[in-house]
């Protein structure tokens, strides 16, 4: 199994249009960027997406993905679902998994598209392409419902926090415990006071609380220093960072 962080940026991405901060200017000068959030899971020739970034067309072309087996939506914010139409025109009737509440919120925007609406309940497992998934509720105000995603394959466990602040339900904390890889929302460094997301301090405390073996930050904003500098101090993910899992229970990351 392989997990690819297609996009690791927050809602405006990096560089931000019209912003000339040190980080955005470094991105322009050196030609790097953070596109909006999507995670690609590949197993036995199948492609599964967690969220559908507004940058999805470019992401899928770069990843050489011809078709998508299924989509899992974590919540109904634009930067997490708006790219669904980027492959809808070439592949209809896609299986889309999420809770009833998230389906209802997103369908208001995508009502002209036909896809297979598969409603799943939080904390109840479901399977796609031989992989076990579980949605756990997280706290992303003012939304009425948002989810993290647990991925289980063979003896591996991967947790994607979803967009959330630090106030997770106890049931979700228990669900998230002891992952081999924790892909966690960390939009800004410590010192930033946030209502909807976590800063680096909160993200690392959560990683410690659940006993994560390896942690990588995603949904990263331009509030951090430029990537080359910030990555010396923070476990920042980057676009197309890839994690390989094999049956001998080894986890490798290739940059």
Protein backbone atom coordinates (compact mmCIF):
# COMPACT_ATOMS: atom_id res chain seq x y z
CA UNK A 1 0.00 0.00 0.00
CA UNK A 2 1.15 3.53 -0.75
CA UNK A 3 -0.05 6.88 0.61
CA UNK A 4 0.70 10.10 -1.26
CA UNK A 5 0.11 13.57 0.16
CA UNK A 6 -1.15 15.17 -3.05
CA UNK A 7 -1.70 18.56 -1.44
CA UNK A 8 -0.49 19.80 1.95
CA UNK A 9 -1.66 23.43 1.92
CA UNK A 10 -4.46 25.25 3.69
CA UNK A 11 -7.43 26.85 1.91
CA UNK A 12 -5.51 29.50 -0.13
CA UNK A 13 -2.45 27.30 -0.69
CA UNK A 14 1.12 28.63 -0.76
CA UNK A 15 2.08 31.01 -2.23
CA UNK A 16 -1.07 32.97 -1.40
CA UNK A 17 -2.40 35.22 -4.16
CA UNK A 18 -1.51 38.81 -3.32
CA UNK A 19 0.69 37.92 -0.35
CA UNK A 20 4.35 38.93 -0.34
CA UNK A 21 5.41 37.54 3.01
CA UNK A 22 8.79 35.83 3.33
CA UNK A 23 7.33 32.36 2.81
CA UNK A 24 5.21 33.24 -0.22
CA UNK A 25 8.10 35.10 -1.85
CA UNK A 26 10.43 32.16 -1.17
CA UNK A 27 7.92 29.84 -2.85
CA UNK A 28 7.76 32.09 -5.91
CA UNK A 29 11.51 32.51 -6.11
CA UNK A 30 12.37 28.82 -5.68
CA UNK A 31 9.36 27.41 -7.52
CA UNK A 32 7.77 25.37 -4.74
CA UNK A 33 4.16 25.42 -3.61
CA UNK A 34 1.59 23.82 -1.36
CA UNK A 35 -1.58 22.92 -3.22
CA UNK A 36 -4.85 22.32 -1.42
CA UNK A 37 -5.51 19.20 0.65
CA UNK A 38 -5.95 15.72 -0.82
CA UNK A 39 -4.52 12.34 0.13
CA UNK A 40 -4.18 9.48 -2.38
CA UNK A 41 -4.21 5.88 -1.17
CA UNK A 42 -3.07 3.24 -3.65
CA UNK A 43 -3.46 -0.50 -3.17
CA UNK A 44 -3.59 -3.36 -5.68
CA UNK A 45 -4.06 -0.98 -8.62
CA UNK A 46 -6.91 0.92 -6.96
CA UNK A 47 -6.91 4.64 -6.18
CA UNK A 48 -8.80 6.08 -3.22
CA UNK A 49 -8.97 9.79 -2.44
CA UNK A 50 -9.45 11.37 0.95
CA UNK A 51 -10.94 14.73 -0.04
CA UNK A 52 -10.98 16.28 -3.50
CA UNK A 53 -8.85 19.41 -3.61
CA UNK A 54 -9.59 22.38 -5.89
CA UNK A 55 -6.17 21.54 -7.36
CA UNK A 56 -7.13 17.94 -8.06
CA UNK A 57 -6.80 17.97 -11.85
CA UNK A 58 -3.13 18.96 -11.67
CA UNK A 59 -2.53 16.57 -8.79
CA UNK A 60 -4.02 13.55 -10.57
CA UNK A 61 -2.20 14.28 -13.82
CA UNK A 62 1.09 14.56 -11.96
CA UNK A 63 0.37 11.31 -10.08
CA UNK A 64 -0.55 9.61 -13.39
CA UNK A 65 -3.91 8.50 -12.01
CA UNK A 66 -6.34 7.39 -14.73
CA UNK A 67 -9.31 6.45 -12.55
CA UNK A 68 -10.50 6.71 -8.98
CA UNK A 69 -12.05 3.79 -7.13
CA UNK A 70 -13.65 5.87 -4.38
CA UNK A 71 -13.68 9.19 -2.57
CA UNK A 72 -13.97 9.83 1.16
CA UNK A 73 -14.99 13.37 2.17
CA UNK A 74 -13.99 14.61 5.62
CA UNK A 75 -16.11 17.77 5.67
CA UNK A 76 -17.89 20.32 3.52
CA UNK A 77 -15.38 23.13 3.14
CA UNK A 78 -14.57 24.26 -0.42
CA UNK A 79 -10.88 23.37 -0.25
CA UNK A 80 -11.76 19.75 0.55
CA UNK A 81 -14.44 18.93 -2.02
CA UNK A 82 -14.42 21.46 -4.87
CA UNK A 83 -12.12 19.46 -7.17
CA UNK A 84 -14.54 16.56 -7.43
CA UNK A 85 -15.69 17.83 -10.82
CA UNK A 86 -12.11 17.63 -12.15
CA UNK A 87 -12.53 13.93 -12.84
CA UNK A 88 -16.33 13.75 -12.80
CA UNK A 89 -16.55 14.54 -16.54
CA UNK A 90 -14.29 11.62 -17.45
CA UNK A 91 -15.48 9.19 -14.79
CA UNK A 92 -19.11 9.24 -13.66
CA UNK A 93 -20.87 7.36 -10.88
CA UNK A 94 -17.93 7.51 -8.48
CA UNK A 95 -18.46 5.91 -5.05
CA UNK A 96 -18.35 8.68 -2.44
CA UNK A 97 -18.25 7.83 1.27
CA UNK A 98 -19.01 10.12 4.18
CA UNK A 99 -21.61 10.80 6.84
CA UNK A 100 -25.15 11.85 5.98
CA UNK A 101 -24.55 15.36 7.28
CA UNK A 102 -21.45 15.94 5.12
CA UNK A 103 -23.23 14.49 2.06
CA UNK A 104 -26.15 16.86 2.57
CA UNK A 105 -23.91 19.92 2.93
CA UNK A 106 -21.80 19.15 -0.14
CA UNK A 107 -24.75 18.10 -2.31
CA UNK A 108 -26.05 21.66 -2.17
CA UNK A 109 -23.05 22.63 -4.31
CA UNK A 110 -22.71 19.48 -6.44
CA UNK A 111 -26.38 18.71 -7.07
CA UNK A 112 -25.85 18.68 -10.85
CA UNK A 113 -23.36 15.78 -10.61
CA UNK A 114 -24.33 12.14 -10.38
CA UNK A 115 -22.28 10.00 -8.05
CA UNK A 116 -22.91 7.02 -5.82
CA UNK A 117 -23.75 8.49 -2.43
CA UNK A 118 -22.65 5.99 0.22
CA UNK A 119 -23.54 7.07 3.74
CA UNK A 120 -21.40 5.73 6.57
CA UNK A 121 -21.72 6.22 10.31
CA UNK A 122 -18.94 7.50 12.52
CA UNK A 123 -16.95 4.77 14.29
CA UNK A 124 -18.39 2.00 12.08
CA UNK A 125 -15.81 0.34 9.76
CA UNK A 126 -16.25 0.03 6.00
CA UNK A 127 -13.99 -1.51 3.36
CA UNK A 128 -12.69 -0.28 0.01
CA UNK A 129 -10.20 -2.24 -2.12
CA UNK A 130 -9.18 -4.47 0.75
CA UNK A 131 -8.54 -1.56 3.13
CA UNK A 132 -10.53 -0.94 6.30
CA UNK A 133 -11.65 2.64 6.98
CA UNK A 134 -13.29 4.25 10.00
CA UNK A 135 -14.53 7.84 10.32
CA UNK A 136 -14.09 9.56 13.68
CA UNK A 137 -15.80 12.82 14.59
CA UNK A 138 -13.55 15.85 15.03
CA UNK A 139 -14.22 19.46 16.00
CA UNK A 140 -14.10 22.01 13.18
CA UNK A 141 -16.47 24.88 14.04
CA UNK A 142 -18.88 26.08 12.87
CA UNK A 143 -19.55 22.88 10.90
CA UNK A 144 -22.11 20.52 12.36
CA UNK A 145 -20.04 17.48 11.31
CA UNK A 146 -16.40 16.85 10.33
CA UNK A 147 -14.31 13.70 10.36
CA UNK A 148 -10.86 12.27 10.72
CA UNK A 149 -10.09 9.04 8.89
CA UNK A 150 -8.49 5.86 10.22
CA UNK A 151 -6.95 3.53 7.62
CA UNK A 152 -6.11 -0.05 8.52
CA UNK A 153 -4.30 -2.46 6.21
CA UNK A 154 -2.52 -5.62 7.27
CA UNK A 155 -0.82 -4.65 10.55
CA UNK A 156 -0.59 -0.95 9.67
CA UNK A 157 -2.68 1.89 11.03
CA UNK A 158 -2.70 5.37 9.51
CA UNK A 159 -4.67 8.28 10.94
CA UNK A 160 -5.63 11.44 9.07
CA UNK A 161 -6.85 13.98 11.62
CA UNK A 162 -8.97 15.96 9.18
CA UNK A 163 -9.40 19.68 9.81
CA UNK A 164 -9.88 20.03 13.56
CA UNK A 165 -9.01 21.97 16.65
CA UNK A 166 -7.52 20.28 19.72
CA UNK A 167 -10.88 19.53 21.38
CA UNK A 168 -11.53 16.03 20.03
CA UNK A 169 -14.15 13.70 21.50
CA UNK A 170 -12.76 11.01 23.81
CA UNK A 171 -14.16 8.33 21.50
CA UNK A 172 -12.09 9.76 18.65
CA UNK A 173 -8.94 9.94 20.77
CA UNK A 174 -9.33 6.24 21.53
CA UNK A 175 -9.97 5.45 17.86
CA UNK A 176 -6.85 7.35 16.79
CA UNK A 177 -4.47 5.66 19.25
CA UNK A 178 -1.19 3.99 18.23
CA UNK A 179 -0.93 4.82 14.52
CA UNK A 180 2.14 3.98 12.49
CA UNK A 181 1.62 7.28 10.68
CA UNK A 182 -0.30 10.36 11.87
CA UNK A 183 -1.15 12.93 9.17
CA UNK A 184 -2.25 15.89 11.25
CA UNK A 185 -3.71 19.34 10.64
CA UNK A 186 -1.17 21.96 11.78
CA UNK A 187 -1.93 25.19 10.02
CA UNK A 188 0.50 27.45 11.93
CA UNK A 189 3.45 27.40 14.35
CA UNK A 190 3.05 27.58 18.12
CA UNK A 191 1.89 30.95 19.41
CA UNK A 192 -1.00 31.27 16.97
CA UNK A 193 -4.38 31.20 18.73
CA UNK A 194 -6.78 29.23 16.54
CA UNK A 195 -10.46 28.36 16.78
CA UNK A 196 -10.88 25.89 13.91
CA UNK A 197 -7.43 24.32 13.52
CA UNK A 198 -4.37 23.27 15.52
CA UNK A 199 -1.02 24.98 15.74
CA UNK A 200 2.23 23.00 15.88
CA UNK A 201 2.22 22.73 19.66
CA UNK A 202 -1.31 21.33 19.79
CA UNK A 203 -0.64 18.94 16.90
CA UNK A 204 2.46 17.49 18.56
CA UNK A 205 0.66 17.15 21.91
CA UNK A 206 -2.09 15.21 20.17
CA UNK A 207 0.48 13.03 18.40
CA UNK A 208 2.07 12.26 21.76
CA UNK A 209 -1.29 11.57 23.39
CA UNK A 210 -2.28 8.99 20.79
CA UNK A 211 1.19 7.43 20.66
CA UNK A 212 1.94 8.15 17.00
CA UNK A 213 5.09 6.43 15.75
CA UNK A 214 5.59 8.94 12.93
CA UNK A 215 3.92 12.33 12.53
CA UNK A 216 3.66 14.58 9.50
CA UNK A 217 2.00 18.01 9.38
CA UNK A 218 -0.48 18.85 6.65
CA UNK A 219 -2.96 21.67 5.92
CA UNK A 220 0.10 23.88 6.42
CA UNK A 221 -0.28 27.65 5.98
CA UNK A 222 2.18 30.33 4.92
CA UNK A 223 2.43 31.31 8.60
CA UNK A 224 5.41 28.96 8.91
CA UNK A 225 8.84 30.10 7.68
CA UNK A 226 9.86 28.89 4.18
CA UNK A 227 9.78 25.11 3.91
CA UNK A 228 13.55 24.52 3.83
CA UNK A 229 13.91 26.50 7.05
CA UNK A 230 10.77 25.35 8.88
CA UNK A 231 11.30 21.66 8.12
CA UNK A 232 14.41 21.73 10.33
CA UNK A 233 12.16 22.25 13.34
CA UNK A 234 8.76 20.86 12.35
CA UNK A 235 7.70 17.59 10.68
CA UNK A 236 6.18 19.47 7.76
CA UNK A 237 4.72 17.39 4.98
CA UNK A 238 5.07 18.51 1.39
CA UNK A 239 3.18 17.91 -1.82
CA UNK A 240 3.72 14.42 -3.22
CA UNK A 241 5.50 13.15 -0.13
CA UNK A 242 4.99 9.39 -0.36
CA UNK A 243 4.82 6.70 2.29
CA UNK A 244 5.28 3.03 1.38
CA UNK A 245 3.94 0.20 3.51
CA UNK A 246 4.98 -3.41 3.05
CA UNK A 247 3.99 -6.68 4.65
CA UNK A 248 7.19 -6.86 6.74
CA UNK A 249 5.79 -3.93 8.73
CA UNK A 250 8.24 -1.33 7.60
CA UNK A 251 7.32 2.22 6.81
CA UNK A 252 9.44 4.16 4.35
CA UNK A 253 9.07 7.77 3.31
CA UNK A 254 10.43 8.98 0.01
CA UNK A 255 10.73 12.70 -0.73
